Amino acid sequence: MHAHSLRLNPGDDLRAALDAALRQRGAEAAFVVSGIGSLRGACIRYAGAETASVLQGDLEILTLSGTLSPDGSHLHISVSDGAGQVRGGHVAPGCTVRTTAEILIAWLPEWRFVREQDPATGYAELMPRSRKT
């Protein structure tokens, strides 16, 4: 495992930037250890919802975690607004960095994360595979 810190800039899309970091590194498996910063609005899909909800205004990232894979990332976030109200769920495209986002990523060079359809859940689920075999 190799740790790497990443700083995103104003206007960056959080999800797109993490997916781009994975591609630029040529990696096939990583996870977000932590993330903090601020957003200028967010798109978050809540548990059981089919589509993402749009949150307007300035938000603080309280937590960010998840897996990064060439087959699709799976990221969760919790954010608070100016009144301290907290919301959280799946990160969707449209979470725009306001001032900065500071993210710690763990790269797993000996692993490959793939997503395959799981008949039990009906979703493309994570299937970690060792690259040693």
Protein backbone atom coordinates (compact mmCIF):
# COMPACT_ATOMS: atom_id res chain seq x y z
CA MET A 1 0.00 0.00 0.00
CA HIS A 2 1.21 3.48 -0.88
CA ALA A 3 -0.34 6.61 0.64
CA HIS A 4 -0.75 9.76 -1.40
CA SER A 5 -2.22 13.13 -0.50
CA LEU A 6 -4.21 15.04 -3.08
CA ARG A 7 -5.33 18.65 -2.97
CA LEU A 8 -8.21 19.69 -5.19
CA ASN A 9 -8.76 23.29 -6.27
CA PRO A 10 -11.76 25.59 -6.55
CA GLY A 11 -14.10 24.48 -9.31
CA ASP A 12 -12.88 20.85 -9.42
CA ASP A 13 -15.56 18.18 -9.48
CA LEU A 14 -14.77 15.92 -6.52
CA ARG A 15 -15.74 12.60 -8.11
CA ALA A 16 -14.25 13.38 -11.53
CA ALA A 17 -10.96 14.48 -9.95
CA LEU A 18 -10.64 11.24 -7.96
CA ASP A 19 -11.45 9.13 -11.03
CA ALA A 20 -8.87 11.15 -13.01
CA ALA A 21 -6.23 10.61 -10.30
CA LEU A 22 -6.78 6.85 -10.58
CA ARG A 23 -6.40 6.94 -14.37
CA GLN A 24 -3.34 9.23 -14.26
CA ARG A 25 -1.61 6.89 -11.85
CA GLY A 26 -2.52 3.86 -13.97
CA ALA A 27 -3.86 2.21 -10.83
CA GLU A 28 -6.51 -0.49 -10.63
CA ALA A 29 -7.29 -0.32 -6.92
CA ALA A 30 -7.32 2.40 -4.28
CA PHE A 31 -9.41 3.68 -1.43
CA VAL A 32 -10.01 7.08 0.06
CA VAL A 33 -8.78 7.08 3.66
CA SER A 34 -10.13 10.53 4.50
CA GLY A 35 -11.21 13.77 2.95
CA ILE A 36 -12.02 17.25 4.25
CA GLY A 37 -12.58 20.61 2.62
CA SER A 38 -15.40 22.70 1.26
CA LEU A 39 -17.92 22.48 -1.56
CA ARG A 40 -19.93 25.05 -3.46
CA GLY A 41 -22.90 22.72 -3.68
CA ALA A 42 -23.17 18.97 -3.87
CA CYS A 43 -25.03 16.14 -5.55
CA ILE A 44 -25.62 13.30 -3.11
CA ARG A 45 -27.69 10.17 -3.61
CA TYR A 46 -29.37 9.20 -0.37
CA ALA A 47 -29.92 5.59 0.75
CA GLY A 48 -32.53 3.83 -1.39
CA ALA A 49 -32.96 6.78 -3.77
CA GLU A 50 -32.75 6.32 -7.54
CA THR A 51 -31.39 9.79 -8.27
CA ALA A 52 -29.11 12.29 -6.54
CA SER A 53 -30.36 15.30 -4.62
CA VAL A 54 -28.79 18.69 -5.25
CA LEU A 55 -27.63 20.67 -2.21
CA GLN A 56 -27.12 24.38 -2.84
CA GLY A 57 -24.75 26.73 -1.04
CA ASP A 58 -21.50 26.48 0.85
CA LEU A 59 -20.82 23.12 2.49
CA GLU A 60 -18.04 21.67 4.63
CA ILE A 61 -16.86 18.12 3.89
CA LEU A 62 -16.89 16.31 7.23
CA THR A 63 -16.04 12.84 5.92
CA LEU A 64 -15.19 11.27 2.60
CA SER A 65 -14.40 7.60 2.04
CA GLY A 66 -14.77 4.86 -0.51
CA THR A 67 -13.14 2.74 -3.19
CA LEU A 68 -11.65 3.81 -6.51
CA SER A 69 -11.80 1.39 -9.42
CA PRO A 70 -11.54 1.64 -13.21
CA ASP A 71 -14.99 -0.02 -13.30
CA GLY A 72 -16.48 2.76 -11.18
CA SER A 73 -15.81 4.43 -7.89
CA HIS A 74 -18.00 4.03 -4.82
CA LEU A 75 -17.72 7.07 -2.57
CA HIS A 76 -19.65 8.23 0.49
CA ILE A 77 -19.63 11.74 1.93
CA SER A 78 -21.07 13.69 4.83
CA VAL A 79 -21.34 17.47 4.57
CA SER A 80 -22.65 20.27 6.78
CA ASP A 81 -24.24 23.53 5.76
CA GLY A 82 -23.87 26.97 7.35
CA ALA A 83 -26.37 26.04 10.07
CA GLY A 84 -24.50 22.84 10.91
CA GLN A 85 -27.15 20.57 9.41
CA VAL A 86 -25.48 17.34 8.26
CA ARG A 87 -26.41 15.25 5.24
CA GLY A 88 -24.68 12.28 3.72
CA GLY A 89 -24.81 9.59 1.09
CA HIS A 90 -23.27 8.52 -2.21
CA VAL A 91 -21.09 11.07 -4.03
CA ALA A 92 -22.54 11.86 -7.45
CA PRO A 93 -21.02 14.07 -10.15
CA GLY A 94 -21.62 17.71 -9.33
CA CYS A 95 -19.84 18.10 -5.98
CA THR A 96 -17.85 21.25 -6.80
CA VAL A 97 -14.88 22.25 -4.65
CA ARG A 98 -15.29 25.73 -3.15
CA THR A 99 -11.85 26.50 -1.63
CA THR A 100 -10.02 23.19 -1.31
CA ALA A 101 -10.43 19.49 -0.74
CA GLU A 102 -7.64 17.61 1.01
CA ILE A 103 -7.79 13.89 0.38
CA LEU A 104 -5.65 10.98 1.54
CA ILE A 105 -5.65 8.04 -0.89
CA ALA A 106 -4.20 4.58 -0.33
CA TRP A 107 -3.03 2.96 -3.58
CA LEU A 108 -3.03 -0.85 -3.68
CA PRO A 109 -0.62 -1.88 -6.47
CA GLU A 110 -1.00 -5.59 -5.74
CA TRP A 111 -4.78 -5.48 -6.14
CA ARG A 112 -7.29 -4.95 -8.90
CA PHE A 113 -10.80 -3.74 -8.02
CA VAL A 114 -13.45 -4.83 -10.50
CA ARG A 115 -17.22 -4.49 -10.31
CA GLU A 116 -19.43 -7.36 -11.35
CA GLN A 117 -23.18 -7.77 -11.34
CA ASP A 118 -24.26 -9.54 -8.16
CA PRO A 119 -27.52 -11.49 -8.51
CA ALA A 120 -28.13 -11.24 -4.76
CA THR A 121 -28.13 -7.42 -4.72
CA GLY A 122 -28.89 -6.54 -8.33
CA TYR A 123 -25.94 -4.12 -8.42
CA ALA A 124 -22.42 -4.15 -9.79
CA GLU A 125 -20.52 -4.95 -6.60
CA LEU A 126 -16.82 -4.75 -5.72
CA MET A 127 -14.78 -7.88 -6.43
CA PRO A 128 -11.21 -7.40 -5.13
CA ARG A 129 -8.69 -9.50 -7.03
CA SER A 130 -5.06 -10.09 -6.20
CA ARG A 131 -2.70 -9.22 -9.06
CA LYS A 132 -0.23 -11.82 -7.74
CA THR A 133 -2.23 -14.71 -9.20
